[in-house]
Each structure stands twice: as structure tokens, then as C-alpha cells.
Amino acid sequence: MSLRSHLCGRHVKRMLAVARVEILILIHDRPTISLILLVPAIQIVLFGYAVNLNPKNISIAIAETAAT
């Protein structure tokens, strides 16, 4: 095992350990969990009503490029 792959493995383990600690902290923090779950749900509902995919009153133009 080279020194570089050994160092990368240590960094990945350290990063996963920090992520695990942060997740454990989030699990015990009820206001944060409610924000993580409720804000995206509210955004989906609001954008679902705001976005309309039926175009109306759109002007179009047709350009003929063939020289006859």
C-alpha cells in the first residue's frame, strides 16, 4: 500500500466519522429535523401550485428561408 492511498484512506475514515457524529447530533435535534423535512415539502407544494405548464397567449412567427 502506497503512502498516498494510505493517507486517502485515513481522510475518508475521518470524514465518515465526522459525518456520523453530525448525523447523530441532527437526530437528537428535533427543530432541525422538522426543518429538514418540512421546508422541502412546503416548497414542493407551493411550486406545484405556482408552476403552470399550459402555455397561453404566446405569439409565434414563421420565417421561410427558402428562396423561390
C-alpha atoms as a PDB file:
ATOM      1  CA  MET A   1       0.000   0.000   0.000  1.00  0.00           C
ATOM      2  CA  SER A   2       1.454   3.330  -1.008  1.00  0.00           C
ATOM      3  CA  LEU A   3       1.670   6.300   1.291  1.00  0.00           C
ATOM      4  CA  ARG A   4      -0.829   8.273  -0.813  1.00  0.00           C
ATOM      5  CA  SER A   5      -3.528   5.570  -0.731  1.00  0.00           C
ATOM      6  CA  HIS A   6      -2.905   5.131   2.994  1.00  0.00           C
ATOM      7  CA  LEU A   7      -3.403   8.874   3.612  1.00  0.00           C
ATOM      8  CA  CYS A   8      -6.520   8.968   1.417  1.00  0.00           C
ATOM      9  CA  GLY A   9      -7.975   6.068   3.378  1.00  0.00           C
ATOM     10  CA  ARG A  10      -7.349   7.904   6.644  1.00  0.00           C
ATOM     11  CA  HIS A  11      -9.027  11.040   5.306  1.00  0.00           C
ATOM     12  CA  VAL A  12     -12.068   9.080   4.160  1.00  0.00           C
ATOM     13  CA  LYS A  13     -12.363   7.364   7.542  1.00  0.00           C
ATOM     14  CA  ARG A  14     -12.056  10.704   9.308  1.00  0.00           C
ATOM     15  CA  MET A  15     -14.644  12.290   7.018  1.00  0.00           C
ATOM     16  CA  LEU A  16     -17.081   9.414   7.601  1.00  0.00           C
ATOM     17  CA  ALA A  17     -16.536   9.689  11.356  1.00  0.00           C
ATOM     18  CA  VAL A  18     -17.345  13.413  11.278  1.00  0.00           C
ATOM     19  CA  ALA A  19     -20.428  12.742   9.123  1.00  0.00           C
ATOM     20  CA  ARG A  20     -21.578  10.076  11.598  1.00  0.00           C
ATOM     21  CA  VAL A  21     -21.225  12.455  14.537  1.00  0.00           C
ATOM     22  CA  GLU A  22     -23.120  15.190  12.689  1.00  0.00           C
ATOM     23  CA  ILE A  23     -25.944  12.791  11.810  1.00  0.00           C
ATOM     24  CA  LEU A  24     -26.191  11.660  15.434  1.00  0.00           C
ATOM     25  CA  ILE A  25     -26.388  15.295  16.544  1.00  0.00           C
ATOM     26  CA  LEU A  26     -29.113  16.012  13.957  1.00  0.00           C
ATOM     27  CA  ILE A  27     -31.154  13.002  15.055  1.00  0.00           C
ATOM     28  CA  HIS A  28     -31.356  14.375  18.595  1.00  0.00           C
ATOM     29  CA  ASP A  29     -32.185  17.940  17.475  1.00  0.00           C
ATOM     30  CA  ARG A  30     -35.948  17.990  16.839  1.00  0.00           C
ATOM     31  CA  PRO A  31     -36.261  21.556  15.441  1.00  0.00           C
ATOM     32  CA  THR A  32     -33.571  20.862  12.856  1.00  0.00           C
ATOM     33  CA  ILE A  33     -35.179  17.585  11.783  1.00  0.00           C
ATOM     34  CA  SER A  34     -38.522  19.321  11.381  1.00  0.00           C
ATOM     35  CA  LEU A  35     -36.887  21.985   9.208  1.00  0.00           C
ATOM     36  CA  ILE A  36     -35.086  19.371   7.116  1.00  0.00           C
ATOM     37  CA  LEU A  37     -38.362  17.553   6.445  1.00  0.00           C
ATOM     38  CA  LEU A  38     -40.959  20.348   6.355  1.00  0.00           C
ATOM     39  CA  VAL A  39     -39.242  23.040   4.280  1.00  0.00           C
ATOM     40  CA  PRO A  40     -38.748  20.865   1.168  1.00  0.00           C
ATOM     41  CA  ALA A  41     -42.304  19.508   1.493  1.00  0.00           C
ATOM     42  CA  ILE A  42     -43.733  23.030   1.675  1.00  0.00           C
ATOM     43  CA  GLN A  43     -41.614  24.094  -1.316  1.00  0.00           C
ATOM     44  CA  ILE A  44     -42.868  21.159  -3.382  1.00  0.00           C
ATOM     45  CA  VAL A  45     -46.482  22.056  -2.608  1.00  0.00           C
ATOM     46  CA  LEU A  46     -46.003  25.770  -3.328  1.00  0.00           C
ATOM     47  CA  PHE A  47     -44.098  25.212  -6.571  1.00  0.00           C
ATOM     48  CA  GLY A  48     -46.658  22.615  -7.603  1.00  0.00           C
ATOM     49  CA  TYR A  49     -49.348  25.281  -7.500  1.00  0.00           C
ATOM     50  CA  ALA A  50     -47.154  28.053  -8.932  1.00  0.00           C
ATOM     51  CA  VAL A  51     -45.848  26.220 -11.997  1.00  0.00           C
ATOM     52  CA  ASN A  52     -48.277  26.034 -14.886  1.00  0.00           C
ATOM     53  CA  LEU A  53     -47.131  24.006 -17.890  1.00  0.00           C
ATOM     54  CA  ASN A  54     -50.026  25.052 -20.153  1.00  0.00           C
ATOM     55  CA  PRO A  55     -48.790  27.957 -22.296  1.00  0.00           C
ATOM     56  CA  LYS A  56     -51.428  30.568 -23.197  1.00  0.00           C
ATOM     57  CA  ASN A  57     -51.355  33.682 -25.409  1.00  0.00           C
ATOM     58  CA  ILE A  58     -47.988  33.019 -26.991  1.00  0.00           C
ATOM     59  CA  SER A  59     -47.187  34.828 -30.231  1.00  0.00           C
ATOM     60  CA  ILE A  60     -45.315  32.829 -32.854  1.00  0.00           C
ATOM     61  CA  ALA A  61     -43.746  33.728 -36.158  1.00  0.00           C
ATOM     62  CA  ILE A  62     -42.883  31.526 -39.119  1.00  0.00           C
ATOM     63  CA  ALA A  63     -39.886  32.520 -41.234  1.00  0.00           C
ATOM     64  CA  GLU A  64     -39.434  30.975 -44.655  1.00  0.00           C
ATOM     65  CA  THR A  65     -35.783  30.806 -45.599  1.00  0.00           C
ATOM     66  CA  ALA A  66     -36.102  29.095 -48.998  1.00  0.00           C
ATOM     67  CA  ALA A  67     -35.533  31.441 -51.953  1.00  0.00           C
ATOM     68  CA  THR A  68     -38.158  30.718 -54.625  1.00  0.00           C
END
